[in-house]
PDB file of all heavy atoms in Angstrom:
ATOM      1  N   VAL A   1     167.685  42.400 294.131  1.00  0.00           N
ATOM      2  CA  VAL A   1     167.876  41.369 293.093  1.00  0.00           C
ATOM      3  C   VAL A   1     166.542  40.693 292.812  1.00  0.00           C
ATOM      4  O   VAL A   1     165.805  40.354 293.781  1.00  0.00           O
ATOM      5  CB  VAL A   1     168.916  40.330 293.514  1.00  0.00           C
ATOM      6  CG1 VAL A   1     169.065  39.341 292.419  1.00  0.00           C
ATOM      7  CG2 VAL A   1     170.265  40.968 293.748  1.00  0.00           C
ATOM      8  N   LEU A   2     166.240  40.590 291.521  1.00  0.00           N
ATOM      9  CA  LEU A   2     165.096  39.711 291.038  1.00  0.00           C
ATOM     10  C   LEU A   2     165.716  38.389 290.382  1.00  0.00           C
ATOM     11  O   LEU A   2     166.491  38.665 289.437  1.00  0.00           O
ATOM     12  CB  LEU A   2     164.201  40.503 290.241  1.00  0.00           C
ATOM     13  CG  LEU A   2     163.068  39.697 289.581  1.00  0.00           C
ATOM     14  CD1 LEU A   2     162.044  39.279 290.607  1.00  0.00           C
ATOM     15  CD2 LEU A   2     162.392  40.569 288.473  1.00  0.00           C
ATOM     16  N   LEU A   3     165.294  37.306 290.853  1.00  0.00           N
ATOM     17  CA  LEU A   3     165.607  36.052 290.187  1.00  0.00           C
ATOM     18  C   LEU A   3     164.355  35.383 289.535  1.00  0.00           C
ATOM     19  O   LEU A   3     163.405  35.202 290.186  1.00  0.00           O
ATOM     20  CB  LEU A   3     166.255  35.029 291.178  1.00  0.00           C
ATOM     21  CG  LEU A   3     167.371  35.568 291.970  1.00  0.00           C
ATOM     22  CD1 LEU A   3     167.757  34.486 293.021  1.00  0.00           C
ATOM     23  CD2 LEU A   3     168.549  35.855 291.197  1.00  0.00           C
ATOM     24  N   GLU A   4     164.499  35.197 288.105  1.00  0.00           N
ATOM     25  CA  GLU A   4     163.474  34.532 287.411  1.00  0.00           C
ATOM     26  C   GLU A   4     163.828  33.201 287.033  1.00  0.00           C
ATOM     27  O   GLU A   4     164.967  33.011 286.395  1.00  0.00           O
ATOM     28  CB  GLU A   4     163.096  35.520 286.118  1.00  0.00           C
ATOM     29  CG  GLU A   4     162.610  36.816 286.525  1.00  0.00           C
ATOM     30  CD  GLU A   4     162.196  37.699 285.357  1.00  0.00           C
ATOM     31  OE1 GLU A   4     162.856  37.345 284.252  1.00  0.00           O
ATOM     32  OE2 GLU A   4     161.463  38.604 285.412  1.00  0.00           O
ATOM     33  N   PHE A   5     162.972  32.188 287.179  1.00  0.00           N
ATOM     34  CA  PHE A   5     163.373  30.784 286.946  1.00  0.00           C
ATOM     35  C   PHE A   5     162.486  30.304 285.789  1.00  0.00           C
ATOM     36  O   PHE A   5     161.398  30.612 285.666  1.00  0.00           O
ATOM     37  CB  PHE A   5     162.961  29.933 288.161  1.00  0.00           C
ATOM     38  CG  PHE A   5     163.874  30.290 289.431  1.00  0.00           C
ATOM     39  CD1 PHE A   5     163.647  31.492 290.154  1.00  0.00           C
ATOM     40  CD2 PHE A   5     164.934  29.482 289.750  1.00  0.00           C
ATOM     41  CE1 PHE A   5     164.538  31.648 291.249  1.00  0.00           C
ATOM     42  CE2 PHE A   5     165.806  29.733 290.841  1.00  0.00           C
ATOM     43  CZ  PHE A   5     165.547  30.876 291.638  1.00  0.00           C
ATOM     44  N   TYR A   6     163.252  29.389 284.970  1.00  0.00           N
ATOM     45  CA  TYR A   6     162.637  28.831 283.845  1.00  0.00           C
ATOM     46  C   TYR A   6     162.872  27.363 283.788  1.00  0.00           C
ATOM     47  O   TYR A   6     163.941  26.819 284.168  1.00  0.00           O
ATOM     48  CB  TYR A   6     163.086  29.532 282.495  1.00  0.00           C
ATOM     49  CG  TYR A   6     162.861  30.993 282.450  1.00  0.00           C
ATOM     50  CD1 TYR A   6     163.694  31.846 283.006  1.00  0.00           C
ATOM     51  CD2 TYR A   6     161.783  31.502 281.713  1.00  0.00           C
ATOM     52  CE1 TYR A   6     163.474  33.244 282.932  1.00  0.00           C
ATOM     53  CE2 TYR A   6     161.528  32.776 281.643  1.00  0.00           C
ATOM     54  CZ  TYR A   6     162.440  33.692 282.236  1.00  0.00           C
ATOM     55  OH  TYR A   6     162.122  35.003 282.185  1.00  0.00           O
ATOM     56  N   TYR A   7     161.771  26.515 283.516  1.00  0.00           N
ATOM     57  CA  TYR A   7     161.904  25.102 283.500  1.00  0.00           C
ATOM     58  C   TYR A   7     161.774  24.526 282.141  1.00  0.00           C
ATOM     59  O   TYR A   7     161.262  24.998 281.243  1.00  0.00           O
ATOM     60  CB  TYR A   7     160.687  24.601 284.388  1.00  0.00           C
ATOM     61  CG  TYR A   7     160.761  24.659 285.780  1.00  0.00           C
ATOM     62  CD1 TYR A   7     160.514  25.919 286.368  1.00  0.00           C
ATOM     63  CD2 TYR A   7     161.186  23.592 286.546  1.00  0.00           C
ATOM     64  CE1 TYR A   7     160.566  25.997 287.782  1.00  0.00           C
ATOM     65  CE2 TYR A   7     161.179  23.737 287.975  1.00  0.00           C
ATOM     66  CZ  TYR A   7     160.864  24.969 288.602  1.00  0.00           C
ATOM     67  OH  TYR A   7     160.889  25.086 290.027  1.00  0.00           O
ATOM     68  N   THR A   8     162.410  23.321 282.081  1.00  0.00           N
ATOM     69  CA  THR A   8     162.170  22.400 280.930  1.00  0.00           C
ATOM     70  C   THR A   8     161.724  21.088 281.656  1.00  0.00           C
ATOM     71  O   THR A   8     162.558  20.410 282.385  1.00  0.00           O
ATOM     72  CB  THR A   8     163.480  22.121 280.122  1.00  0.00           C
ATOM     73  OG1 THR A   8     163.874  23.335 279.537  1.00  0.00           O
ATOM     74  CG2 THR A   8     163.176  21.090 279.038  1.00  0.00           C
ATOM     75  N   GLY A   9     160.481  20.789 281.553  1.00  0.00           N
ATOM     76  CA  GLY A   9     159.938  19.792 282.354  1.00  0.00           C
ATOM     77  C   GLY A   9     159.965  20.049 283.804  1.00  0.00           C
ATOM     78  O   GLY A   9     159.430  21.092 284.289  1.00  0.00           O
ATOM     79  N   ASP A  10     160.594  19.223 284.558  1.00  0.00           N
ATOM     80  CA  ASP A  10     160.810  19.444 286.076  1.00  0.00           C
ATOM     81  C   ASP A  10     162.151  19.913 286.467  1.00  0.00           C
ATOM     82  O   ASP A  10     162.547  19.979 287.593  1.00  0.00           O
ATOM     83  CB  ASP A  10     160.403  18.182 286.838  1.00  0.00           C
ATOM     84  CG  ASP A  10     158.941  17.849 286.906  1.00  0.00           C
ATOM     85  OD1 ASP A  10     158.129  18.823 286.641  1.00  0.00           O
ATOM     86  OD2 ASP A  10     158.551  16.682 287.086  1.00  0.00           O
ATOM     87  N   LEU A  11     162.939  20.267 285.449  1.00  0.00           N
ATOM     88  CA  LEU A  11     164.359  20.706 285.688  1.00  0.00           C
ATOM     89  C   LEU A  11     164.393  22.282 285.401  1.00  0.00           C
ATOM     90  O   LEU A  11     163.885  22.776 284.467  1.00  0.00           O
ATOM     91  CB  LEU A  11     165.263  19.973 284.709  1.00  0.00           C
ATOM     92  CG  LEU A  11     165.407  18.438 284.918  1.00  0.00           C
ATOM     93  CD1 LEU A  11     166.299  17.943 283.783  1.00  0.00           C
ATOM     94  CD2 LEU A  11     165.946  18.227 286.299  1.00  0.00           C
ATOM     95  N   ILE A  12     165.092  22.962 286.343  1.00  0.00           N
ATOM     96  CA  ILE A  12     165.318  24.389 286.190  1.00  0.00           C
ATOM     97  C   ILE A  12     166.480  24.488 285.175  1.00  0.00           C
ATOM     98  O   ILE A  12     167.620  24.093 285.487  1.00  0.00           O
ATOM     99  CB  ILE A  12     165.759  25.023 287.502  1.00  0.00           C
ATOM    100  CG1 ILE A  12     164.442  24.982 288.445  1.00  0.00           C
ATOM    101  CG2 ILE A  12     166.002  26.490 287.322  1.00  0.00           C
ATOM    102  CD1 ILE A  12     164.702  25.380 289.901  1.00  0.00           C
ATOM    103  N   THR A  13     166.290  25.049 284.000  1.00  0.00           N
ATOM    104  CA  THR A  13     167.241  25.133 283.095  1.00  0.00           C
ATOM    105  C   THR A  13     167.745  26.582 282.800  1.00  0.00           C
ATOM    106  O   THR A  13     168.723  26.764 282.018  1.00  0.00           O
ATOM    107  CB  THR A  13     166.775  24.536 281.657  1.00  0.00           C
ATOM    108  OG1 THR A  13     165.397  25.101 281.329  1.00  0.00           O
ATOM    109  CG2 THR A  13     166.579  23.032 281.832  1.00  0.00           C
ATOM    110  N   LYS A  14     167.086  27.546 283.386  1.00  0.00           N
ATOM    111  CA  LYS A  14     167.647  28.936 283.189  1.00  0.00           C
ATOM    112  C   LYS A  14     167.189  29.778 284.416  1.00  0.00           C
ATOM    113  O   LYS A  14     166.094  29.656 284.854  1.00  0.00           O
ATOM    114  CB  LYS A  14     167.111  29.538 281.919  1.00  0.00           C
ATOM    115  CG  LYS A  14     167.641  30.931 281.736  1.00  0.00           C
ATOM    116  CD  LYS A  14     167.409  31.475 280.248  1.00  0.00           C
ATOM    117  CE  LYS A  14     165.954  31.862 280.070  1.00  0.00           C
ATOM    118  NZ  LYS A  14     165.714  32.556 278.704  1.00  0.00           N
ATOM    119  N   ILE A  15     168.132  30.617 284.839  1.00  0.00           N
ATOM    120  CA  ILE A  15     167.785  31.578 285.885  1.00  0.00           C
ATOM    121  C   ILE A  15     168.344  32.939 285.389  1.00  0.00           C
ATOM    122  O   ILE A  15     169.540  33.150 285.046  1.00  0.00           O
ATOM    123  CB  ILE A  15     168.431  31.279 287.246  1.00  0.00           C
ATOM    124  CG1 ILE A  15     167.951  29.919 287.756  1.00  0.00           C
ATOM    125  CG2 ILE A  15     168.126  32.443 288.266  1.00  0.00           C
ATOM    126  CD1 ILE A  15     168.672  29.461 289.089  1.00  0.00           C
ATOM    127  N   VAL A  16     167.473  33.889 285.374  1.00  0.00           N
ATOM    128  CA  VAL A  16     167.883  35.268 284.973  1.00  0.00           C
ATOM    129  C   VAL A  16     167.962  36.092 286.334  1.00  0.00           C
ATOM    130  O   VAL A  16     167.030  36.227 287.041  1.00  0.00           O
ATOM    131  CB  VAL A  16     166.941  35.905 283.986  1.00  0.00           C
ATOM    132  CG1 VAL A  16     167.371  37.356 283.819  1.00  0.00           C
ATOM    133  CG2 VAL A  16     166.800  35.079 282.746  1.00  0.00           C
ATOM    134  N   GLU A  17     169.203  36.644 286.568  1.00  0.00           N
ATOM    135  CA  GLU A  17     169.378  37.445 287.723  1.00  0.00           C
ATOM    136  C   GLU A  17     169.488  38.889 287.321  1.00  0.00           C
ATOM    137  O   GLU A  17     170.378  39.319 286.497  1.00  0.00           O
ATOM    138  CB  GLU A  17     170.791  37.025 288.306  1.00  0.00           C
ATOM    139  CG  GLU A  17     170.918  35.517 288.643  1.00  0.00           C
ATOM    140  CD  GLU A  17     172.316  35.223 289.205  1.00  0.00           C
ATOM    141  OE1 GLU A  17     173.310  35.941 288.929  1.00  0.00           O
ATOM    142  OE2 GLU A  17     172.400  34.141 289.859  1.00  0.00           O
ATOM    143  N   PHE A  18     168.586  39.703 287.917  1.00  0.00           N
ATOM    144  CA  PHE A  18     168.576  41.218 287.603  1.00  0.00           C
ATOM    145  C   PHE A  18     168.839  42.013 288.863  1.00  0.00           C
ATOM    146  O   PHE A  18     168.209  41.816 289.839  1.00  0.00           O
ATOM    147  CB  PHE A  18     167.258  41.631 287.139  1.00  0.00           C
ATOM    148  CG  PHE A  18     167.308  43.067 286.753  1.00  0.00           C
ATOM    149  CD1 PHE A  18     167.917  43.540 285.553  1.00  0.00           C
ATOM    150  CD2 PHE A  18     166.486  43.962 287.481  1.00  0.00           C
ATOM    151  CE1 PHE A  18     167.821  44.930 285.277  1.00  0.00           C
ATOM    152  CE2 PHE A  18     166.427  45.347 287.106  1.00  0.00           C
ATOM    153  CZ  PHE A  18     167.179  45.729 286.051  1.00  0.00           C
ATOM    154  N   ASN A  19     170.057  42.627 288.815  1.00  0.00           N
ATOM    155  CA  ASN A  19     170.515  43.459 289.967  1.00  0.00           C
ATOM    156  C   ASN A  19     169.835  44.821 289.859  1.00  0.00           C
ATOM    157  O   ASN A  19     170.103  45.575 288.816  1.00  0.00           O
ATOM    158  CB  ASN A  19     172.029  43.588 289.837  1.00  0.00           C
ATOM    159  CG  ASN A  19     172.529  44.316 291.099  1.00  0.00           C
ATOM    160  OD1 ASN A  19     172.060  45.300 291.645  1.00  0.00           O
ATOM    161  ND2 ASN A  19     173.754  43.897 291.666  1.00  0.00           N
ATOM    162  N   LYS A  20     168.914  45.128 290.731  1.00  0.00           N
ATOM    163  CA  LYS A  20     168.184  46.303 290.706  1.00  0.00           C
ATOM    164  C   LYS A  20     168.925  47.602 290.859  1.00  0.00           C
ATOM    165  O   LYS A  20     168.656  48.670 290.345  1.00  0.00           O
ATOM    166  CB  LYS A  20     166.953  46.217 291.639  1.00  0.00           C
ATOM    167  CG  LYS A  20     166.036  45.101 291.472  1.00  0.00           C
ATOM    168  CD  LYS A  20     164.929  45.037 292.632  1.00  0.00           C
ATOM    169  CE  LYS A  20     164.015  43.887 292.369  1.00  0.00           C
ATOM    170  NZ  LYS A  20     163.079  43.851 293.559  1.00  0.00           N
ATOM    171  N   LEU A  21     169.966  47.412 291.777  1.00  0.00           N
ATOM    172  CA  LEU A  21     170.790  48.581 292.013  1.00  0.00           C
ATOM    173  C   LEU A  21     171.705  48.975 290.888  1.00  0.00           C
ATOM    174  O   LEU A  21     171.892  50.118 290.588  1.00  0.00           O
ATOM    175  CB  LEU A  21     171.569  48.399 293.311  1.00  0.00           C
ATOM    176  CG  LEU A  21     170.761  48.001 294.565  1.00  0.00           C
ATOM    177  CD1 LEU A  21     171.722  47.805 295.730  1.00  0.00           C
ATOM    178  CD2 LEU A  21     169.758  49.128 294.853  1.00  0.00           C
ATOM    179  N   ALA A  22     172.267  48.019 290.210  1.00  0.00           N
ATOM    180  CA  ALA A  22     173.236  48.285 289.165  1.00  0.00           C
ATOM    181  C   ALA A  22     172.618  48.139 287.794  1.00  0.00           C
ATOM    182  O   ALA A  22     173.380  48.337 286.813  1.00  0.00           O
ATOM    183  CB  ALA A  22     174.492  47.228 289.244  1.00  0.00           C
ATOM    184  N   SER A  23     171.441  47.728 287.731  1.00  0.00           N
ATOM    185  CA  SER A  23     170.742  47.585 286.410  1.00  0.00           C
ATOM    186  C   SER A  23     171.541  46.616 285.547  1.00  0.00           C
ATOM    187  O   SER A  23     171.634  46.811 284.338  1.00  0.00           O
ATOM    188  CB  SER A  23     170.427  48.949 285.737  1.00  0.00           C
ATOM    189  OG  SER A  23     169.751  49.761 286.456  1.00  0.00           O
ATOM    190  N   HIS A  24     171.879  45.550 286.238  1.00  0.00           N
ATOM    191  CA  HIS A  24     172.830  44.490 285.442  1.00  0.00           C
ATOM    192  C   HIS A  24     172.014  43.159 285.445  1.00  0.00           C
ATOM    193  O   HIS A  24     171.474  42.815 286.454  1.00  0.00           O
ATOM    194  CB  HIS A  24     174.124  44.299 286.154  1.00  0.00           C
ATOM    195  CG  HIS A  24     174.930  43.198 285.649  1.00  0.00           C
ATOM    196  ND1 HIS A  24     175.565  43.377 284.376  1.00  0.00           N
ATOM    197  CD2 HIS A  24     175.226  41.963 286.087  1.00  0.00           C
ATOM    198  CE1 HIS A  24     176.174  42.187 284.110  1.00  0.00           C
ATOM    199  NE2 HIS A  24     175.982  41.327 285.127  1.00  0.00           N
ATOM    200  N   LYS A  25     172.010  42.602 284.206  1.00  0.00           N
ATOM    201  CA  LYS A  25     171.402  41.287 284.197  1.00  0.00           C
ATOM    202  C   LYS A  25     172.314  40.177 283.791  1.00  0.00           C
ATOM    203  O   LYS A  25     173.202  40.332 282.916  1.00  0.00           O
ATOM    204  CB  LYS A  25     170.310  41.397 282.993  1.00  0.00           C
ATOM    205  CG  LYS A  25     169.482  40.121 282.878  1.00  0.00           C
ATOM    206  CD  LYS A  25     168.231  40.194 282.010  1.00  0.00           C
ATOM    207  CE  LYS A  25     168.692  40.432 280.488  1.00  0.00           C
ATOM    208  NZ  LYS A  25     167.493  40.446 279.586  1.00  0.00           N
ATOM    209  N   ASN A  26     172.283  39.105 284.480  1.00  0.00           N
ATOM    210  CA  ASN A  26     173.052  37.961 284.198  1.00  0.00           C
ATOM    211  C   ASN A  26     172.204  36.657 283.980  1.00  0.00           C
ATOM    212  O   ASN A  26     171.191  36.415 284.784  1.00  0.00           O
ATOM    213  CB  ASN A  26     174.040  37.657 285.340  1.00  0.00           C
ATOM    214  CG  ASN A  26     174.901  36.408 285.312  1.00  0.00           C
ATOM    215  OD1 ASN A  26     175.343  36.160 284.093  1.00  0.00           O
ATOM    216  ND2 ASN A  26     175.103  35.679 286.245  1.00  0.00           N
ATOM    217  N   THR A  27     172.394  35.934 283.007  1.00  0.00           N
ATOM    218  CA  THR A  27     171.693  34.720 282.775  1.00  0.00           C
ATOM    219  C   THR A  27     172.443  33.529 282.931  1.00  0.00           C
ATOM    220  O   THR A  27     173.610  33.343 282.491  1.00  0.00           O
ATOM    221  CB  THR A  27     171.053  34.737 281.214  1.00  0.00           C
ATOM    222  OG1 THR A  27     170.332  35.864 280.990  1.00  0.00           O
ATOM    223  CG2 THR A  27     170.402  33.422 281.001  1.00  0.00           C
ATOM    224  N   LEU A  28     171.929  32.593 283.700  1.00  0.00           N
ATOM    225  CA  LEU A  28     172.518  31.292 283.940  1.00  0.00           C
ATOM    226  C   LEU A  28     171.828  30.171 283.320  1.00  0.00           C
ATOM    227  O   LEU A  28     170.687  29.999 283.502  1.00  0.00           O
ATOM    228  CB  LEU A  28     172.597  31.009 285.488  1.00  0.00           C
ATOM    229  CG  LEU A  28     173.301  32.028 286.396  1.00  0.00           C
ATOM    230  CD1 LEU A  28     173.101  31.700 287.871  1.00  0.00           C
ATOM    231  CD2 LEU A  28     174.804  32.040 286.099  1.00  0.00           C
ATOM    232  N   GLU A  29     172.521  29.433 282.414  1.00  0.00           N
ATOM    233  CA  GLU A  29     172.049  28.272 281.759  1.00  0.00           C
ATOM    234  C   GLU A  29     172.392  26.975 282.407  1.00  0.00           C
ATOM    235  O   GLU A  29     173.595  26.832 282.513  1.00  0.00           O
ATOM    236  CB  GLU A  29     172.420  28.304 280.205  1.00  0.00           C
ATOM    237  CG  GLU A  29     172.054  29.543 279.535  1.00  0.00           C
ATOM    238  CD  GLU A  29     170.677  29.565 278.996  1.00  0.00           C
ATOM    239  OE1 GLU A  29     169.911  28.454 279.208  1.00  0.00           O
ATOM    240  OE2 GLU A  29     170.176  30.634 278.355  1.00  0.00           O
ATOM    241  N   TYR A  30     171.495  26.108 282.719  1.00  0.00           N
ATOM    242  CA  TYR A  30     171.788  24.894 283.441  1.00  0.00           C
ATOM    243  C   TYR A  30     171.649  23.717 282.471  1.00  0.00           C
ATOM    244  O   TYR A  30     170.527  23.540 281.871  1.00  0.00           O
ATOM    245  CB  TYR A  30     170.805  24.708 284.659  1.00  0.00           C
ATOM    246  CG  TYR A  30     171.095  25.794 285.803  1.00  0.00           C
ATOM    247  CD1 TYR A  30     170.678  27.056 285.696  1.00  0.00           C
ATOM    248  CD2 TYR A  30     171.731  25.338 286.967  1.00  0.00           C
ATOM    249  CE1 TYR A  30     170.830  27.994 286.719  1.00  0.00           C
ATOM    250  CE2 TYR A  30     171.986  26.296 287.923  1.00  0.00           C
ATOM    251  CZ  TYR A  30     171.559  27.575 287.827  1.00  0.00           C
ATOM    252  OH  TYR A  30     171.743  28.475 288.823  1.00  0.00           O
ATOM    253  N   SER A  31     172.625  22.841 282.436  1.00  0.00           N
ATOM    254  CA  SER A  31     172.515  21.662 281.605  1.00  0.00           C
ATOM    255  C   SER A  31     172.567  20.364 282.516  1.00  0.00           C
ATOM    256  O   SER A  31     173.260  20.395 283.569  1.00  0.00           O
ATOM    257  CB  SER A  31     173.765  21.664 280.563  1.00  0.00           C
ATOM    258  OG  SER A  31     173.722  22.720 279.674  1.00  0.00           O
ATOM    259  N   TYR A  32     171.815  19.319 282.074  1.00  0.00           N
ATOM    260  CA  TYR A  32     171.788  18.125 282.912  1.00  0.00           C
ATOM    261  C   TYR A  32     172.096  16.921 281.987  1.00  0.00           C
ATOM    262  O   TYR A  32     171.907  16.901 280.773  1.00  0.00           O
ATOM    263  CB  TYR A  32     170.400  17.991 283.475  1.00  0.00           C
ATOM    264  CG  TYR A  32     169.901  19.085 284.364  1.00  0.00           C
ATOM    265  CD1 TYR A  32     169.445  20.264 283.794  1.00  0.00           C
ATOM    266  CD2 TYR A  32     170.017  19.033 285.780  1.00  0.00           C
ATOM    267  CE1 TYR A  32     169.035  21.344 284.551  1.00  0.00           C
ATOM    268  CE2 TYR A  32     169.643  20.111 286.569  1.00  0.00           C
ATOM    269  CZ  TYR A  32     169.155  21.267 285.977  1.00  0.00           C
ATOM    270  OH  TYR A  32     168.723  22.327 286.844  1.00  0.00           O
ATOM    271  N   SER A  33     172.438  15.757 282.638  1.00  0.00           N
ATOM    272  CA  SER A  33     172.533  14.495 282.062  1.00  0.00           C
ATOM    273  C   SER A  33     171.901  13.481 282.989  1.00  0.00           C
ATOM    274  O   SER A  33     172.223  13.341 284.177  1.00  0.00           O
ATOM    275  CB  SER A  33     174.014  14.131 281.834  1.00  0.00           C
ATOM    276  OG  SER A  33     174.140  12.762 281.316  1.00  0.00           O
ATOM    277  N   ASP A  34     170.920  12.739 282.505  1.00  0.00           N
ATOM    278  CA  ASP A  34     170.157  11.859 283.339  1.00  0.00           C
ATOM    279  C   ASP A  34     169.568  12.481 284.665  1.00  0.00           C
ATOM    280  O   ASP A  34     169.609  11.940 285.669  1.00  0.00           O
ATOM    281  CB  ASP A  34     171.035  10.553 283.772  1.00  0.00           C
ATOM    282  CG  ASP A  34     171.400   9.852 282.538  1.00  0.00           C
ATOM    283  OD1 ASP A  34     170.635   9.663 281.511  1.00  0.00           O
ATOM    284  OD2 ASP A  34     172.565   9.171 282.440  1.00  0.00           O
ATOM    285  N   GLY A  35     169.211  13.747 284.502  1.00  0.00           N
ATOM    286  CA  GLY A  35     168.623  14.434 285.630  1.00  0.00           C
ATOM    287  C   GLY A  35     169.632  15.012 286.634  1.00  0.00           C
ATOM    288  O   GLY A  35     169.168  15.550 287.591  1.00  0.00           O
ATOM    289  N   LYS A  36     170.926  14.940 286.312  1.00  0.00           N
ATOM    290  CA  LYS A  36     171.966  15.372 287.145  1.00  0.00           C
ATOM    291  C   LYS A  36     172.645  16.622 286.557  1.00  0.00           C
ATOM    292  O   LYS A  36     173.004  16.567 285.360  1.00  0.00           O
ATOM    293  CB  LYS A  36     172.971  14.325 287.453  1.00  0.00           C
ATOM    294  CG  LYS A  36     172.500  13.136 288.280  1.00  0.00           C
ATOM    295  CD  LYS A  36     173.543  12.123 288.424  1.00  0.00           C
ATOM    296  CE  LYS A  36     173.030  10.880 289.246  1.00  0.00           C
ATOM    297  NZ  LYS A  36     174.015   9.794 289.476  1.00  0.00           N
ATOM    298  N   LEU A  37     172.820  17.694 287.316  1.00  0.00           N
ATOM    299  CA  LEU A  37     173.452  18.922 286.796  1.00  0.00           C
ATOM    300  C   LEU A  37     174.887  18.676 286.352  1.00  0.00           C
ATOM    301  O   LEU A  37     175.724  18.064 287.177  1.00  0.00           O
ATOM    302  CB  LEU A  37     173.455  20.029 287.876  1.00  0.00           C
ATOM    303  CG  LEU A  37     173.941  21.384 287.489  1.00  0.00           C
ATOM    304  CD1 LEU A  37     173.173  22.031 286.390  1.00  0.00           C
ATOM    305  CD2 LEU A  37     174.020  22.267 288.784  1.00  0.00           C
ATOM    306  N   THR A  38     175.216  19.101 285.167  1.00  0.00           N
ATOM    307  CA  THR A  38     176.642  18.883 284.628  1.00  0.00           C
ATOM    308  C   THR A  38     177.287  20.231 284.233  1.00  0.00           C
ATOM    309  O   THR A  38     178.526  20.250 284.288  1.00  0.00           O
ATOM    310  CB  THR A  38     176.527  17.962 283.336  1.00  0.00           C
ATOM    311  OG1 THR A  38     175.745  18.536 282.419  1.00  0.00           O
ATOM    312  CG2 THR A  38     176.080  16.604 283.729  1.00  0.00           C
ATOM    313  N   LYS A  39     176.586  21.278 284.016  1.00  0.00           N
ATOM    314  CA  LYS A  39     177.163  22.485 283.575  1.00  0.00           C
ATOM    315  C   LYS A  39     176.340  23.649 283.951  1.00  0.00           C
ATOM    316  O   LYS A  39     175.072  23.619 283.677  1.00  0.00           O
ATOM    317  CB  LYS A  39     177.502  22.448 282.151  1.00  0.00           C
ATOM    318  CG  LYS A  39     178.334  23.666 281.617  1.00  0.00           C
ATOM    319  CD  LYS A  39     178.496  23.575 280.029  1.00  0.00           C
ATOM    320  CE  LYS A  39     179.431  22.552 279.656  1.00  0.00           C
ATOM    321  NZ  LYS A  39     180.855  22.882 279.968  1.00  0.00           N
ATOM    322  N   ILE A  40     176.891  24.794 284.258  1.00  0.00           N
ATOM    323  CA  ILE A  40     176.297  26.127 284.439  1.00  0.00           C
ATOM    324  C   ILE A  40     177.092  27.146 283.503  1.00  0.00           C
ATOM    325  O   ILE A  40     178.318  27.240 283.740  1.00  0.00           O
ATOM    326  CB  ILE A  40     176.219  26.640 285.805  1.00  0.00           C
ATOM    327  CG1 ILE A  40     175.534  25.660 286.746  1.00  0.00           C
ATOM    328  CG2 ILE A  40     175.493  27.959 285.916  1.00  0.00           C
ATOM    329  CD1 ILE A  40     175.513  26.039 288.172  1.00  0.00           C
ATOM    330  N   ILE A  41     176.469  27.796 282.564  1.00  0.00           N
ATOM    331  CA  ILE A  41     177.077  28.735 281.730  1.00  0.00           C
ATOM    332  C   ILE A  41     176.515  30.121 282.077  1.00  0.00           C
ATOM    333  O   ILE A  41     175.285  30.239 282.064  1.00  0.00           O
ATOM    334  CB  ILE A  41     176.815  28.495 280.222  1.00  0.00           C
ATOM    335  CG1 ILE A  41     177.442  27.148 279.851  1.00  0.00           C
ATOM    336  CG2 ILE A  41     177.525  29.536 279.475  1.00  0.00           C
ATOM    337  CD1 ILE A  41     177.169  26.743 278.526  1.00  0.00           C
ATOM    338  N   SER A  42     177.277  31.073 282.470  1.00  0.00           N
ATOM    339  CA  SER A  42     176.952  32.420 282.875  1.00  0.00           C
ATOM    340  C   SER A  42     177.191  33.380 281.771  1.00  0.00           C
ATOM    341  O   SER A  42     178.246  33.378 281.162  1.00  0.00           O
ATOM    342  CB  SER A  42     177.596  32.799 284.220  1.00  0.00           C
ATOM    343  OG  SER A  42     177.357  34.187 284.406  1.00  0.00           O
ATOM    344  N   SER A  43     176.262  34.255 281.479  1.00  0.00           N
ATOM    345  CA  SER A  43     176.455  35.320 280.541  1.00  0.00           C
ATOM    346  C   SER A  43     177.454  36.329 281.005  1.00  0.00           C
ATOM    347  O   SER A  43     177.953  37.145 280.259  1.00  0.00           O
ATOM    348  CB  SER A  43     175.122  36.104 280.138  1.00  0.00           C
ATOM    349  OG  SER A  43     174.629  36.730 281.324  1.00  0.00           O
ATOM    350  N   ASP A  44     177.873  36.304 282.281  1.00  0.00           N
ATOM    351  CA  ASP A  44     178.850  37.174 282.883  1.00  0.00           C
ATOM    352  C   ASP A  44     180.297  36.548 282.567  1.00  0.00           C
ATOM    353  O   ASP A  44     181.227  37.150 282.934  1.00  0.00           O
ATOM    354  CB  ASP A  44     178.758  37.256 284.374  1.00  0.00           C
ATOM    355  CG  ASP A  44     177.826  38.434 284.726  1.00  0.00           C
ATOM    356  OD1 ASP A  44     177.414  39.189 283.826  1.00  0.00           O
ATOM    357  OD2 ASP A  44     177.457  38.532 285.912  1.00  0.00           O
ATOM    358  N   GLY A  45     180.406  35.501 281.866  1.00  0.00           N
ATOM    359  CA  GLY A  45     181.629  35.035 281.368  1.00  0.00           C
ATOM    360  C   GLY A  45     182.368  33.917 282.239  1.00  0.00           C
ATOM    361  O   GLY A  45     183.565  33.864 282.168  1.00  0.00           O
TER     362      GLY A  45
END
């Protein structure tokens, strides 16, 4: 697995997970309020 991290300021707001064996990619979107995590949305549903 390869995990790629993306920031907005000092907050991690996206992680792209790539499964090398299954050639499957899943994107996780992270949302915050006042610096606290409130939601994760996965492209896997």
